[in-house]
């Protein structure tokens, strides 16, 4: 369809839509840095959040993601942008009919037993409608908004401007790799055929997990911009925060395994633990609902994650250095290692103690924010660091899930859960297992990153 082309006119239109919302941020940050202007960052962040909240599309989604990556944005902006909701006003029935004709043809209605006119959910890139098949099966039809390719490219350019200005204002974190990673994942999210493969991937990885449910894909009713799946009933996770401790613990355990069994078993992680992307069943099992933002890591990256765990557990500085070098960190002096270890010890803390505990035993502030600020100060003093792009969605998952576990007040032995996943871990075996699965579902294997060294073997 013409409306879907990544056209110059589409990009120009999108630039006009977002310039009012984000253009001032770059100018004001630059003014504060170079002209000595007194910027009320809290108020400006609130204004930015309000402006973005009125937009559909990738910029709002990118803002949500950035708000949960420690120190990718100033604290005031991270706190405000974290309040953005995925739900947005749905497009009307005339729009839906035009889009469905474009995806399934003029006789599209006859391909369903029923199709609800009102959207069940509207989000940043598309909306979901309930439907039924001719066999009576309940379905979820995820329909992409028009001209999203243009929106992605326009929004990414605006985002790059903001991040580059912030980089001049504060050089503690080099944001180029963060932007590159966000750009690749957002572009991938527009390809619903790819997302269908992600669903198949997760169904295979989690086939033996009775506590996690993944929809089926209906291939004959899916296209590049329409994804039709089986409908999964469940309640929002916030409905469980007042449940008994056993119930909350069971939900947290299922969430932990849903995210980390794929990572340690296959090098795959769900990069968007937004509250709208899963629901809870009466038996405390969970439904995973959105698979656009999936990250596949080289096996050696996963090996580095486990090496750093053992390094912290055993106070093995040489192994810690090896883990950081595996990921591409360079020029690691003692002070830089100490600064990186501050953040690492925070993230790994629940995994290092063989006892039941909360994910964060301090109740002050957001999950990880106080520690991140301390690390930020050290990195700034030491001249800054360039985080490997793979870290963007690892941190996103860790912080996002940590916040969920905090809300649930889950009290679990994270050490036992983690050790159950990494028992008999072997990098070569992971690489072989991962490759076979990716080949089977038609996804590309991750590129071999030259900076990821074999070096010292995992122990």
Protein backbone atom coordinates (compact mmCIF):
# COMPACT_ATOMS: atom_id res chain seq x y z
CA UNK A 1 0.00 0.00 0.00
CA UNK A 2 1.18 3.52 -0.78
CA UNK A 3 0.58 4.64 2.79
CA UNK A 4 3.17 2.15 4.03
CA UNK A 5 6.05 3.28 1.88
CA UNK A 6 9.01 4.88 3.64
CA UNK A 7 8.45 7.98 1.55
CA UNK A 8 10.04 11.41 1.72
CA UNK A 9 6.62 12.97 2.22
CA UNK A 10 5.92 10.60 5.10
CA UNK A 11 9.18 11.48 6.80
CA UNK A 12 8.61 15.23 6.34
CA UNK A 13 5.14 14.90 7.86
CA UNK A 14 6.56 13.01 10.82
CA UNK A 15 9.33 15.58 11.36
CA UNK A 16 6.63 18.24 11.64
CA UNK A 17 4.70 16.14 14.17
CA UNK A 18 7.59 15.53 16.51
CA UNK A 19 9.62 18.72 16.20
CA UNK A 20 7.48 20.62 18.68
CA UNK A 21 7.68 17.74 21.16
CA UNK A 22 11.43 17.16 21.10
CA UNK A 23 13.19 20.01 19.34
CA UNK A 24 13.20 22.21 22.40
CA UNK A 25 14.93 19.56 24.51
CA UNK A 26 18.07 19.68 22.39
CA UNK A 27 18.08 23.46 22.32
CA UNK A 28 17.57 23.82 26.06
CA UNK A 29 20.19 21.24 26.98
CA UNK A 30 22.62 22.98 24.65
CA UNK A 31 21.74 26.33 26.18
CA UNK A 32 22.31 25.04 29.68
CA UNK A 33 25.67 23.60 28.69
CA UNK A 34 27.06 26.41 26.52
CA UNK A 35 25.17 29.58 27.42
CA UNK A 36 24.80 29.12 31.16
CA UNK A 37 21.00 29.12 30.96
CA UNK A 38 19.14 28.08 34.09
CA UNK A 39 17.03 25.16 32.86
CA UNK A 40 14.30 23.75 35.10
CA UNK A 41 14.93 20.18 33.95
CA UNK A 42 12.15 18.71 36.05
CA UNK A 43 9.54 21.00 34.52
CA UNK A 44 10.94 20.58 31.02
CA UNK A 45 10.96 16.79 31.40
CA UNK A 46 7.32 16.93 32.43
CA UNK A 47 6.49 19.04 29.36
CA UNK A 48 8.33 16.56 27.13
CA UNK A 49 6.45 13.62 28.62
CA UNK A 50 3.13 15.35 28.05
CA UNK A 51 4.04 16.09 24.44
CA UNK A 52 5.22 12.55 23.69
CA UNK A 53 2.15 11.10 25.33
CA UNK A 54 0.06 12.53 22.53
CA UNK A 55 2.07 10.80 19.80
CA UNK A 56 1.67 7.35 18.39
CA UNK A 57 4.80 5.68 17.18
CA UNK A 58 8.39 4.73 17.89
CA UNK A 59 9.56 7.89 19.64
CA UNK A 60 7.24 7.21 22.57
CA UNK A 61 8.36 3.58 22.62
CA UNK A 62 12.03 4.58 22.51
CA UNK A 63 11.44 7.04 25.35
CA UNK A 64 9.90 4.25 27.45
CA UNK A 65 12.92 2.02 26.81
CA UNK A 66 15.46 4.76 27.48
CA UNK A 67 13.80 5.60 30.78
CA UNK A 68 14.73 2.16 32.14
CA UNK A 69 18.37 2.12 30.94
CA UNK A 70 20.40 3.61 33.78
CA UNK A 71 22.09 6.88 32.83
CA UNK A 72 21.01 6.86 29.17
CA UNK A 73 19.13 10.06 30.04
CA UNK A 74 19.34 12.61 32.86
CA UNK A 75 17.50 11.48 35.99
CA UNK A 76 14.72 14.05 35.64
CA UNK A 77 13.87 12.86 32.14
CA UNK A 78 14.13 9.17 32.99
CA UNK A 79 11.71 9.57 35.90
CA UNK A 80 9.17 11.46 33.82
CA UNK A 81 9.40 9.32 30.68
CA UNK A 82 8.99 6.13 32.70
CA UNK A 83 5.40 7.24 33.27
CA UNK A 84 4.53 7.04 29.58
CA UNK A 85 1.87 4.42 28.93
CA UNK A 86 1.83 2.05 25.98
CA UNK A 87 -1.89 2.54 25.45
CA UNK A 88 -2.82 5.19 22.90
CA UNK A 89 -6.14 6.21 21.28
CA UNK A 90 -7.17 3.53 18.78
CA UNK A 91 -7.68 4.20 15.09
CA UNK A 92 -11.32 4.04 13.96
CA UNK A 93 -13.18 1.41 11.98
CA UNK A 94 -12.72 3.08 8.53
CA UNK A 95 -8.96 2.94 9.10
CA UNK A 96 -9.14 -0.70 10.17
CA UNK A 97 -11.15 -1.71 7.10
CA UNK A 98 -8.67 0.00 4.74
CA UNK A 99 -5.73 -1.63 6.46
CA UNK A 100 -7.31 -5.09 6.48
CA UNK A 101 -8.15 -4.83 2.77
CA UNK A 102 -4.53 -3.95 2.12
CA UNK A 103 -3.25 -6.92 4.10
CA UNK A 104 -5.74 -9.72 3.32
CA UNK A 105 -7.65 -8.45 0.27
CA UNK A 106 -11.18 -7.12 -0.31
CA UNK A 107 -12.78 -10.34 0.97
CA UNK A 108 -10.89 -10.23 4.26
CA UNK A 109 -14.05 -10.34 6.40
CA UNK A 110 -14.96 -13.76 5.01
CA UNK A 111 -11.71 -15.18 6.36
CA UNK A 112 -12.90 -14.74 9.96
CA UNK A 113 -15.85 -16.09 11.88
CA UNK A 114 -16.12 -12.68 13.54
CA UNK A 115 -14.00 -9.54 13.89
CA UNK A 116 -14.61 -6.87 16.54
CA UNK A 117 -14.70 -3.29 15.28
CA UNK A 118 -13.37 -1.77 18.52
CA UNK A 119 -9.71 -2.36 19.31
CA UNK A 120 -9.03 -4.38 22.46
CA UNK A 121 -5.72 -2.59 22.88
CA UNK A 122 -3.90 0.26 21.14
CA UNK A 123 -0.16 0.77 21.56
CA UNK A 124 2.69 2.77 20.05
CA UNK A 125 3.12 0.89 16.74
CA UNK A 126 -0.24 -0.80 16.21
CA UNK A 127 -3.51 -2.00 17.74
CA UNK A 128 -5.06 -5.37 18.56
CA UNK A 129 -8.56 -6.56 17.66
CA UNK A 130 -10.39 -9.61 18.97
CA UNK A 131 -11.62 -12.04 16.33
CA UNK A 132 -12.62 -15.67 15.88
CA UNK A 133 -11.69 -18.23 13.26
CA UNK A 134 -14.19 -20.33 11.38
CA UNK A 135 -13.34 -23.15 13.76
CA UNK A 136 -14.41 -20.98 16.72
CA UNK A 137 -10.88 -20.36 17.95
CA UNK A 138 -10.46 -16.97 19.62
CA UNK A 139 -7.87 -14.79 17.91
CA UNK A 140 -5.87 -11.60 18.47
CA UNK A 141 -5.20 -9.56 15.31
CA UNK A 142 -2.32 -7.11 15.68
CA UNK A 143 -2.56 -4.46 12.96
CA UNK A 144 0.27 -1.98 12.34
CA UNK A 145 -0.47 1.72 11.94
CA UNK A 146 0.18 3.22 8.48
CA UNK A 147 3.49 4.79 7.46
CA UNK A 148 5.38 3.40 10.44
CA UNK A 149 8.63 3.07 8.46
CA UNK A 150 8.66 6.80 7.89
CA UNK A 151 7.80 7.39 11.53
CA UNK A 152 10.69 5.19 12.70
CA UNK A 153 13.28 6.93 10.52
CA UNK A 154 12.05 10.42 11.44
CA UNK A 155 11.85 9.66 15.15
CA UNK A 156 15.27 8.01 15.23
CA UNK A 157 16.84 11.13 13.76
CA UNK A 158 15.17 13.27 16.40
CA UNK A 159 16.33 10.86 19.09
CA UNK A 160 19.89 10.92 17.78
CA UNK A 161 19.89 14.71 17.99
CA UNK A 162 18.72 14.64 21.61
CA UNK A 163 21.28 12.03 22.60
CA UNK A 164 24.16 13.79 20.84
CA UNK A 165 23.37 17.05 22.62
CA UNK A 166 23.14 15.24 25.94
CA UNK A 167 26.47 13.57 25.14
CA UNK A 168 28.09 16.99 24.90
CA UNK A 169 26.43 18.01 28.13
CA UNK A 170 27.53 14.87 29.99
CA UNK A 171 30.22 12.59 28.58
CA UNK A 172 30.06 9.83 31.22
CA UNK A 173 28.17 7.50 28.85
CA UNK A 174 28.85 7.48 25.11
CA UNK A 175 25.36 7.04 23.63
CA UNK A 176 26.18 6.15 20.03
CA UNK A 177 25.93 2.40 20.57
CA UNK A 178 22.72 2.84 22.59
CA UNK A 179 21.11 4.69 19.67
CA UNK A 180 22.36 2.10 17.16
CA UNK A 181 20.88 -0.74 19.19
CA UNK A 182 17.54 1.04 19.61
CA UNK A 183 17.44 1.76 15.88
CA UNK A 184 17.99 -1.85 14.88
CA UNK A 185 15.40 -3.22 17.31
CA UNK A 186 12.76 -0.63 16.37
CA UNK A 187 13.20 -1.36 12.67
CA UNK A 188 12.84 -5.06 13.39
CA UNK A 189 9.60 -4.46 15.27
CA UNK A 190 7.96 -3.25 12.06
CA UNK A 191 8.38 -6.70 10.47
CA UNK A 192 5.50 -8.83 11.75
CA UNK A 193 6.69 -11.86 9.81
CA UNK A 194 9.86 -11.65 11.87
CA UNK A 195 7.79 -11.34 15.04
CA UNK A 196 5.88 -14.47 14.00
CA UNK A 197 9.22 -16.29 13.89
CA UNK A 198 10.00 -14.92 17.35
CA UNK A 199 6.76 -16.46 18.64
CA UNK A 200 7.75 -19.82 17.17
CA UNK A 201 11.20 -19.43 18.72
CA UNK A 202 9.72 -18.80 22.19
CA UNK A 203 7.19 -21.61 21.88
CA UNK A 204 10.10 -24.01 21.29
CA UNK A 205 12.38 -22.61 23.97
CA UNK A 206 9.62 -22.61 26.60
CA UNK A 207 7.84 -25.79 25.48
CA UNK A 208 8.46 -27.54 28.80
CA UNK A 209 7.63 -24.52 30.99
CA UNK A 210 4.12 -25.08 32.35
CA UNK A 211 4.26 -21.65 34.02
CA UNK A 212 4.62 -19.69 30.76
CA UNK A 213 2.27 -19.49 27.77
CA UNK A 214 3.02 -18.19 24.26
CA UNK A 215 0.38 -17.62 21.54
CA UNK A 216 0.13 -19.69 18.37
CA UNK A 217 0.60 -17.87 15.06
CA UNK A 218 -2.11 -18.17 12.40
CA UNK A 219 0.10 -17.98 9.32
CA UNK A 220 -2.69 -17.80 6.74
CA UNK A 221 -4.07 -14.65 8.43
CA UNK A 222 -0.70 -12.92 8.93
CA UNK A 223 1.37 -10.61 6.74
CA UNK A 224 4.28 -8.19 7.09
CA UNK A 225 1.98 -5.75 8.97
CA UNK A 226 -0.75 -8.01 10.34
CA UNK A 227 -0.02 -10.67 12.95
CA UNK A 228 -2.86 -13.00 13.88
CA UNK A 229 -2.38 -15.14 16.99
CA UNK A 230 -4.41 -17.21 19.40
CA UNK A 231 -6.02 -15.12 22.15
CA UNK A 232 -4.69 -15.72 25.69
CA UNK A 233 -6.85 -14.73 28.67
CA UNK A 234 -5.21 -13.18 31.71
CA UNK A 235 -5.24 -10.31 34.17
CA UNK A 236 -2.77 -7.41 34.48
CA UNK A 237 0.09 -8.23 36.83
CA UNK A 238 -0.83 -5.29 39.05
CA UNK A 239 -3.97 -7.18 40.01
CA UNK A 240 -1.73 -9.59 41.95
CA UNK A 241 0.15 -7.10 44.14
CA UNK A 242 -2.29 -7.61 47.02
CA UNK A 243 -2.37 -11.41 46.69
CA UNK A 244 -0.76 -13.77 49.20
CA UNK A 245 3.02 -14.10 49.39
CA UNK A 246 2.88 -17.58 47.84
CA UNK A 247 0.90 -16.29 44.87
CA UNK A 248 3.25 -13.36 44.30
CA UNK A 249 6.29 -15.63 44.61
CA UNK A 250 4.86 -18.07 42.06
CA UNK A 251 4.25 -15.28 39.55
CA UNK A 252 7.76 -13.90 40.06
CA UNK A 253 9.29 -17.35 39.57
CA UNK A 254 7.44 -17.78 36.28
CA UNK A 255 8.54 -14.31 35.15
CA UNK A 256 12.16 -15.10 36.03
CA UNK A 257 12.14 -18.33 34.05
CA UNK A 258 10.27 -16.77 31.10
CA UNK A 259 13.05 -14.20 30.65
CA UNK A 260 16.18 -16.03 31.73
CA UNK A 261 15.74 -19.64 30.62
CA UNK A 262 15.88 -18.44 26.98
CA UNK A 263 18.91 -16.26 27.73
CA UNK A 264 21.10 -18.82 29.50
CA UNK A 265 19.80 -21.73 27.44
CA UNK A 266 19.79 -20.14 23.97
CA UNK A 267 21.29 -16.64 24.18
CA UNK A 268 17.91 -14.97 23.57
CA UNK A 269 16.21 -12.30 25.65
CA UNK A 270 12.87 -10.49 25.54
CA UNK A 271 13.98 -6.87 25.57
CA UNK A 272 10.72 -5.21 26.61
CA UNK A 273 9.37 -6.27 30.03
CA UNK A 274 6.67 -3.60 29.87
CA UNK A 275 3.65 -4.32 32.07
CA UNK A 276 1.42 -4.54 29.01
CA UNK A 277 3.45 -7.35 27.47
CA UNK A 278 2.32 -10.10 29.83
CA UNK A 279 -0.71 -11.11 31.84
CA UNK A 280 -1.33 -13.51 34.72
CA UNK A 281 -3.62 -16.55 34.80
CA UNK A 282 -5.55 -17.82 37.84
CA UNK A 283 -2.93 -20.56 38.39
CA UNK A 284 -0.16 -17.88 38.58
CA UNK A 285 1.26 -18.87 35.20
CA UNK A 286 1.91 -15.98 32.81
CA UNK A 287 1.12 -15.15 29.20
CA UNK A 288 3.79 -13.50 27.04
CA UNK A 289 2.03 -11.33 24.47
CA UNK A 290 4.47 -9.22 22.46
CA UNK A 291 7.57 -10.47 20.65
CA UNK A 292 8.68 -7.52 18.54
CA UNK A 293 11.70 -6.62 20.71
CA UNK A 294 13.77 -9.82 20.88
CA UNK A 295 17.57 -9.78 21.13
CA UNK A 296 19.80 -12.73 20.16
CA UNK A 297 23.29 -12.61 21.67
CA UNK A 298 26.49 -14.36 20.60
CA UNK A 299 27.19 -17.30 22.90
CA UNK A 300 30.39 -15.64 24.09
CA UNK A 301 28.42 -12.66 25.39
CA UNK A 302 26.38 -15.01 27.58
CA UNK A 303 29.60 -16.67 28.72
CA UNK A 304 30.87 -13.26 29.79
CA UNK A 305 27.74 -12.68 31.90
CA UNK A 306 28.41 -15.92 33.77
CA UNK A 307 32.15 -15.27 34.04
CA UNK A 308 31.45 -11.94 35.72
CA UNK A 309 29.14 -13.68 38.18
CA UNK A 310 31.91 -16.11 39.18
CA UNK A 311 34.41 -13.23 39.31
CA UNK A 312 32.24 -11.34 41.79
CA UNK A 313 31.46 -14.49 43.75
CA UNK A 314 35.15 -15.39 44.14
CA UNK A 315 36.67 -11.88 44.14
CA UNK A 316 38.61 -12.89 41.03
CA UNK A 317 39.72 -9.60 39.47
CA UNK A 318 41.43 -11.26 36.50
CA UNK A 319 38.23 -13.06 35.54
CA UNK A 320 36.23 -9.82 35.91
CA UNK A 321 38.65 -8.07 33.54
CA UNK A 322 38.30 -10.97 31.11
CA UNK A 323 34.50 -10.68 31.23
CA UNK A 324 34.57 -6.94 30.51
CA UNK A 325 37.09 -7.41 27.71
CA UNK A 326 34.92 -10.18 26.26
CA UNK A 327 32.19 -7.56 25.82
CA UNK A 328 34.50 -5.01 24.23
CA UNK A 329 35.46 -2.71 27.12
CA UNK A 330 38.93 -1.25 26.61
CA UNK A 331 41.60 0.55 28.64
CA UNK A 332 40.40 -0.92 31.92
CA UNK A 333 42.32 0.65 34.75
CA UNK A 334 41.71 -0.28 38.38
CA UNK A 335 39.36 2.64 39.03
CA UNK A 336 37.28 1.92 35.91
CA UNK A 337 36.95 -1.74 36.94
CA UNK A 338 35.85 -0.67 40.41
CA UNK A 339 33.23 1.66 38.91
CA UNK A 340 31.86 -1.04 36.60
CA UNK A 341 31.83 -3.52 39.46
CA UNK A 342 29.61 -1.19 41.51
CA UNK A 343 26.81 -1.66 38.99
CA UNK A 344 27.61 -5.34 38.48
CA UNK A 345 27.50 -6.09 42.21
CA UNK A 346 24.12 -4.39 42.44
CA UNK A 347 22.63 -6.44 39.58
CA UNK A 348 24.17 -9.71 40.77
CA UNK A 349 23.54 -9.16 44.49
CA UNK A 350 20.39 -11.34 44.74
CA UNK A 351 22.21 -14.13 42.89
CA UNK A 352 25.22 -14.12 45.22
CA UNK A 353 23.37 -14.96 48.44
CA UNK A 354 22.01 -18.47 48.97
CA UNK A 355 18.87 -17.42 50.83
CA UNK A 356 15.36 -16.17 50.21
CA UNK A 357 15.29 -12.38 49.90
CA UNK A 358 13.73 -9.46 48.05
CA UNK A 359 15.27 -8.52 44.72
CA UNK A 360 16.28 -5.19 46.31
CA UNK A 361 16.24 -5.06 50.08
CA UNK A 362 16.40 -1.28 50.24
CA UNK A 363 12.96 0.24 49.60
CA UNK A 364 14.28 3.70 48.80
CA UNK A 365 13.86 5.08 45.29
CA UNK A 366 13.53 3.34 41.95
CA UNK A 367 15.13 0.00 41.29
CA UNK A 368 18.83 0.66 40.77
CA UNK A 369 18.58 4.43 40.44
CA UNK A 370 20.72 5.32 43.48
CA UNK A 371 23.46 2.87 42.50
CA UNK A 372 23.33 4.03 38.89
CA UNK A 373 23.83 7.64 39.97
CA UNK A 374 26.90 6.69 41.98
CA UNK A 375 28.34 4.73 39.04
CA UNK A 376 27.52 7.63 36.75
CA UNK A 377 29.52 10.01 38.93
CA UNK A 378 32.53 7.71 38.90
CA UNK A 379 32.41 7.17 35.13
CA UNK A 380 32.17 10.91 34.56
CA UNK A 381 35.17 11.50 36.82
CA UNK A 382 37.16 8.84 34.94
CA UNK A 383 36.44 10.29 31.52
CA UNK A 384 33.47 8.21 30.42
CA UNK A 385 32.86 4.80 28.91
CA UNK A 386 31.33 3.35 25.76
CA UNK A 387 28.96 0.52 26.72
CA UNK A 388 28.69 -2.33 24.20
CA UNK A 389 25.40 -2.14 22.35
CA UNK A 390 24.41 -5.60 23.61
CA UNK A 391 24.08 -4.10 27.09
CA UNK A 392 21.12 -1.90 26.14
CA UNK A 393 18.47 -4.60 26.32
CA UNK A 394 20.25 -6.66 28.96
CA UNK A 395 20.04 -3.68 31.30
CA UNK A 396 16.51 -2.98 30.10
CA UNK A 397 15.43 -6.53 31.01
CA UNK A 398 17.27 -6.60 34.34
CA UNK A 399 15.95 -3.24 35.51
CA UNK A 400 12.45 -3.77 34.12
CA UNK A 401 12.08 -7.20 35.71
CA UNK A 402 13.63 -5.95 38.94
CA UNK A 403 10.94 -3.29 39.13
CA UNK A 404 8.25 -5.95 38.64
CA UNK A 405 9.75 -8.14 41.36
CA UNK A 406 9.81 -5.12 43.66
CA UNK A 407 6.13 -4.40 43.02
CA UNK A 408 5.28 -8.03 43.74
CA UNK A 409 7.43 -7.95 46.88
CA UNK A 410 8.64 -11.38 45.82
CA UNK A 411 10.69 -13.23 48.42
CA UNK A 412 12.66 -15.96 46.63
CA UNK A 413 16.00 -17.71 46.61
CA UNK A 414 17.33 -16.09 43.43
CA UNK A 415 20.66 -17.88 43.92
CA UNK A 416 19.04 -21.31 43.55
CA UNK A 417 16.94 -20.19 40.58
CA UNK A 418 19.99 -18.80 38.80
CA UNK A 419 22.21 -21.79 39.51
CA UNK A 420 19.50 -24.08 38.18
CA UNK A 421 19.76 -22.25 34.84
CA UNK A 422 23.56 -22.13 34.52
CA UNK A 423 24.32 -25.65 35.74
CA UNK A 424 26.73 -27.33 33.27
CA UNK A 425 26.89 -24.15 31.16
CA UNK A 426 29.23 -24.39 28.18
CA UNK A 427 29.76 -21.69 25.55
CA UNK A 428 30.35 -24.10 22.66
CA UNK A 429 27.26 -26.14 23.53
CA UNK A 430 25.15 -22.96 23.74
CA UNK A 431 26.39 -21.82 20.34
CA UNK A 432 25.51 -25.17 18.78
CA UNK A 433 22.08 -25.35 20.46
CA UNK A 434 21.29 -21.75 19.55
CA UNK A 435 22.31 -22.18 15.92
CA UNK A 436 20.20 -25.28 15.44
CA UNK A 437 17.10 -23.58 16.88
CA UNK A 438 17.54 -20.34 14.91
CA UNK A 439 18.01 -22.33 11.69
CA UNK A 440 14.86 -24.33 12.43
CA UNK A 441 12.65 -21.24 12.80
CA UNK A 442 14.27 -19.26 9.97
CA UNK A 443 16.11 -16.58 11.96
CA UNK A 444 19.68 -15.46 11.30
CA UNK A 445 22.41 -16.49 13.69
CA UNK A 446 24.03 -13.59 15.55
CA UNK A 447 27.15 -12.22 13.88
CA UNK A 448 30.50 -13.24 15.30
CA UNK A 449 31.74 -10.09 17.00
CA UNK A 450 35.49 -9.70 16.60
CA UNK A 451 35.80 -7.95 19.95
CA UNK A 452 34.27 -10.89 21.80
CA UNK A 453 37.34 -12.89 22.75
CA UNK A 454 37.52 -16.56 23.55
CA UNK A 455 40.43 -15.91 25.92
CA UNK A 456 40.17 -17.56 29.30
CA UNK A 457 37.49 -20.26 29.30
CA UNK A 458 34.36 -20.04 31.41
CA UNK A 459 34.86 -21.71 34.78
